[in-house]
Amino acid sequence: MSLLGELNDLVENIGIPVETGVFTGTAPDEYLVLTPLADSFALHADNRPQYDVQEARISLYTKSSYAERKNQITCALLAADIGITDRRFISHEDDTGYFHYAIDVAKSYEMEE
């Protein structure tokens, strides 16, 4: 499994529309965008990686308060054993009315032989 696959399954259960990379179509009042950030072999020795470390950003866009959804997403991530590496308020987009909040996550996957 991949981190993006796990995140798609996770947020589907929360009930927020989600896209990968950029939201296509007419955006609802609240949605998520998943953006892959990095894939690395940070944990290895002898030039033989055993784990693939995958990182992604979850961008929450909402026209209402982001605090409740931020906490809901955080709890779901922790329950799914997905590490949170950063959480931050990005901005309020005056032209669209969206609050933008980002949660960066990472998870290690054992390499298959």
C-alpha atoms as a PDB file:
ATOM      1  CA  MET A   1       0.000   0.000   0.000  1.00  0.00           C
ATOM      2  CA  SER A   2       1.041   3.614  -0.474  1.00  0.00           C
ATOM      3  CA  LEU A   3       0.607   6.624   1.776  1.00  0.00           C
ATOM      4  CA  LEU A   4      -1.673   8.357  -0.753  1.00  0.00           C
ATOM      5  CA  GLY A   5      -3.836   5.227  -0.901  1.00  0.00           C
ATOM      6  CA  GLU A   6      -4.115   5.120   2.876  1.00  0.00           C
ATOM      7  CA  LEU A   7      -4.914   8.832   3.048  1.00  0.00           C
ATOM      8  CA  ASN A   8      -7.631   8.530   0.394  1.00  0.00           C
ATOM      9  CA  ASP A   9      -9.260   5.690   2.361  1.00  0.00           C
ATOM     10  CA  LEU A  10      -8.934   7.596   5.624  1.00  0.00           C
ATOM     11  CA  VAL A  11     -10.492  10.856   4.453  1.00  0.00           C
ATOM     12  CA  GLU A  12     -13.231   9.021   2.573  1.00  0.00           C
ATOM     13  CA  ASN A  13     -14.440   7.857   5.993  1.00  0.00           C
ATOM     14  CA  ILE A  14     -14.444  11.456   7.269  1.00  0.00           C
ATOM     15  CA  GLY A  15     -16.723  12.561   4.445  1.00  0.00           C
ATOM     16  CA  ILE A  16     -14.763  15.460   2.950  1.00  0.00           C
ATOM     17  CA  PRO A  17     -14.323  15.558  -0.847  1.00  0.00           C
ATOM     18  CA  VAL A  18     -10.690  14.841  -1.774  1.00  0.00           C
ATOM     19  CA  GLU A  19      -8.455  15.126  -4.829  1.00  0.00           C
ATOM     20  CA  THR A  20      -4.780  14.385  -5.425  1.00  0.00           C
ATOM     21  CA  GLY A  21      -2.637  17.278  -6.649  1.00  0.00           C
ATOM     22  CA  VAL A  22      -5.370  19.824  -7.425  1.00  0.00           C
ATOM     23  CA  PHE A  23      -9.145  19.938  -7.021  1.00  0.00           C
ATOM     24  CA  THR A  24     -10.904  19.460 -10.340  1.00  0.00           C
ATOM     25  CA  GLY A  25     -14.359  20.705 -11.119  1.00  0.00           C
ATOM     26  CA  THR A  26     -16.330  23.159  -9.038  1.00  0.00           C
ATOM     27  CA  ALA A  27     -14.905  23.262  -5.531  1.00  0.00           C
ATOM     28  CA  PRO A  28     -17.342  22.716  -2.643  1.00  0.00           C
ATOM     29  CA  ASP A  29     -17.250  24.858   0.512  1.00  0.00           C
ATOM     30  CA  GLU A  30     -14.885  22.322   2.087  1.00  0.00           C
ATOM     31  CA  TYR A  31     -12.419  19.929   0.496  1.00  0.00           C
ATOM     32  CA  LEU A  32      -8.983  18.319   0.818  1.00  0.00           C
ATOM     33  CA  VAL A  33      -6.093  18.147  -1.611  1.00  0.00           C
ATOM     34  CA  LEU A  34      -3.425  15.453  -1.143  1.00  0.00           C
ATOM     35  CA  THR A  35       0.015  16.312  -2.498  1.00  0.00           C
ATOM     36  CA  PRO A  36       2.914  13.838  -2.498  1.00  0.00           C
ATOM     37  CA  LEU A  37       6.033  15.484  -1.048  1.00  0.00           C
ATOM     38  CA  ALA A  38       8.812  12.868  -0.993  1.00  0.00           C
ATOM     39  CA  ASP A  39       9.751   9.220  -1.200  1.00  0.00           C
ATOM     40  CA  SER A  40      13.065   8.347   0.388  1.00  0.00           C
ATOM     41  CA  PHE A  41      15.178   5.526   1.700  1.00  0.00           C
ATOM     42  CA  ALA A  42      16.108   7.367   4.887  1.00  0.00           C
ATOM     43  CA  LEU A  43      16.330   4.166   6.924  1.00  0.00           C
ATOM     44  CA  HIS A  44      18.906   1.804   5.447  1.00  0.00           C
ATOM     45  CA  ALA A  45      22.361   0.323   5.798  1.00  0.00           C
ATOM     46  CA  ASP A  46      24.728  -1.438   3.406  1.00  0.00           C
ATOM     47  CA  ASN A  47      23.028   0.304   0.440  1.00  0.00           C
ATOM     48  CA  ARG A  48      20.032  -2.011   0.860  1.00  0.00           C
ATOM     49  CA  PRO A  49      16.944  -0.023   1.793  1.00  0.00           C
ATOM     50  CA  GLN A  50      14.474  -1.896   3.954  1.00  0.00           C
ATOM     51  CA  TYR A  51      11.936   0.906   4.292  1.00  0.00           C
ATOM     52  CA  ASP A  52      10.412   3.371   1.856  1.00  0.00           C
ATOM     53  CA  VAL A  53       9.555   6.573   3.735  1.00  0.00           C
ATOM     54  CA  GLN A  54       6.666   8.362   2.008  1.00  0.00           C
ATOM     55  CA  GLU A  55       5.609  11.928   2.802  1.00  0.00           C
ATOM     56  CA  ALA A  56       2.538  13.903   1.755  1.00  0.00           C
ATOM     57  CA  ARG A  57       0.677  17.117   2.532  1.00  0.00           C
ATOM     58  CA  ILE A  58      -3.016  17.220   3.355  1.00  0.00           C
ATOM     59  CA  SER A  59      -4.354  20.668   2.487  1.00  0.00           C
ATOM     60  CA  LEU A  60      -7.698  21.499   4.062  1.00  0.00           C
ATOM     61  CA  TYR A  61      -9.696  24.236   2.350  1.00  0.00           C
ATOM     62  CA  THR A  62     -12.824  25.388   4.132  1.00  0.00           C
ATOM     63  CA  LYS A  63     -15.031  28.445   4.150  1.00  0.00           C
ATOM     64  CA  SER A  64     -15.947  27.847   7.807  1.00  0.00           C
ATOM     65  CA  SER A  65     -13.758  27.358  10.879  1.00  0.00           C
ATOM     66  CA  TYR A  66     -10.951  24.889  10.202  1.00  0.00           C
ATOM     67  CA  ALA A  67     -10.311  23.996  13.876  1.00  0.00           C
ATOM     68  CA  GLU A  68     -12.880  21.185  14.221  1.00  0.00           C
ATOM     69  CA  ARG A  69     -11.877  19.508  10.934  1.00  0.00           C
ATOM     70  CA  LYS A  70      -8.166  19.897  11.770  1.00  0.00           C
ATOM     71  CA  ASN A  71      -8.711  18.038  15.042  1.00  0.00           C
ATOM     72  CA  GLN A  72     -10.855  15.369  13.357  1.00  0.00           C
ATOM     73  CA  ILE A  73      -8.201  14.727  10.686  1.00  0.00           C
ATOM     74  CA  THR A  74      -5.410  14.711  13.292  1.00  0.00           C
ATOM     75  CA  CYS A  75      -7.191  12.104  15.430  1.00  0.00           C
ATOM     76  CA  ALA A  76      -7.888   9.929  12.381  1.00  0.00           C
ATOM     77  CA  LEU A  77      -4.236  10.099  11.273  1.00  0.00           C
ATOM     78  CA  LEU A  78      -2.934   9.160  14.710  1.00  0.00           C
ATOM     79  CA  ALA A  79      -5.426   6.287  14.991  1.00  0.00           C
ATOM     80  CA  ALA A  80      -4.197   5.011  11.595  1.00  0.00           C
ATOM     81  CA  ASP A  81      -0.559   5.115  12.803  1.00  0.00           C
ATOM     82  CA  ILE A  82       0.394   7.817  10.299  1.00  0.00           C
ATOM     83  CA  GLY A  83       3.043  10.203  11.614  1.00  0.00           C
ATOM     84  CA  ILE A  84       2.348  13.931  11.597  1.00  0.00           C
ATOM     85  CA  THR A  85       5.482  15.942  10.818  1.00  0.00           C
ATOM     86  CA  ASP A  86       3.980  19.443  10.646  1.00  0.00           C
ATOM     87  CA  ARG A  87       0.659  21.286  11.035  1.00  0.00           C
ATOM     88  CA  ARG A  88       0.223  24.918  10.109  1.00  0.00           C
ATOM     89  CA  PHE A  89      -2.234  27.578   9.130  1.00  0.00           C
ATOM     90  CA  ILE A  90      -1.268  28.715   5.626  1.00  0.00           C
ATOM     91  CA  SER A  91      -3.606  31.610   4.925  1.00  0.00           C
ATOM     92  CA  HIS A  92      -7.077  32.946   4.420  1.00  0.00           C
ATOM     93  CA  GLU A  93      -7.608  33.400   0.709  1.00  0.00           C
ATOM     94  CA  ASP A  94      -9.517  36.654   0.481  1.00  0.00           C
ATOM     95  CA  ASP A  95     -10.432  36.192  -3.173  1.00  0.00           C
ATOM     96  CA  THR A  96     -12.042  32.763  -2.628  1.00  0.00           C
ATOM     97  CA  GLY A  97     -13.036  32.926   1.053  1.00  0.00           C
ATOM     98  CA  TYR A  98     -11.209  29.692   1.936  1.00  0.00           C
ATOM     99  CA  PHE A  99      -9.124  29.095   5.019  1.00  0.00           C
ATOM    100  CA  HIS A 100      -6.116  26.934   4.057  1.00  0.00           C
ATOM    101  CA  TYR A 101      -4.631  24.646   6.710  1.00  0.00           C
ATOM    102  CA  ALA A 102      -1.895  22.081   5.972  1.00  0.00           C
ATOM    103  CA  ILE A 103      -0.972  18.834   7.717  1.00  0.00           C
ATOM    104  CA  ASP A 104       2.246  17.132   6.603  1.00  0.00           C
ATOM    105  CA  VAL A 105       2.476  13.398   7.220  1.00  0.00           C
ATOM    106  CA  ALA A 106       4.974  10.570   6.779  1.00  0.00           C
ATOM    107  CA  LYS A 107       4.897   6.799   7.014  1.00  0.00           C
ATOM    108  CA  SER A 108       7.487   4.061   6.533  1.00  0.00           C
ATOM    109  CA  TYR A 109       6.671   1.029   4.421  1.00  0.00           C
ATOM    110  CA  GLU A 110       8.738  -2.127   4.502  1.00  0.00           C
ATOM    111  CA  MET A 111      10.245  -2.902   1.121  1.00  0.00           C
ATOM    112  CA  GLU A 112       9.067  -6.054  -0.606  1.00  0.00           C
ATOM    113  CA  GLU A 113      11.651  -8.401  -2.048  1.00  0.00           C
END
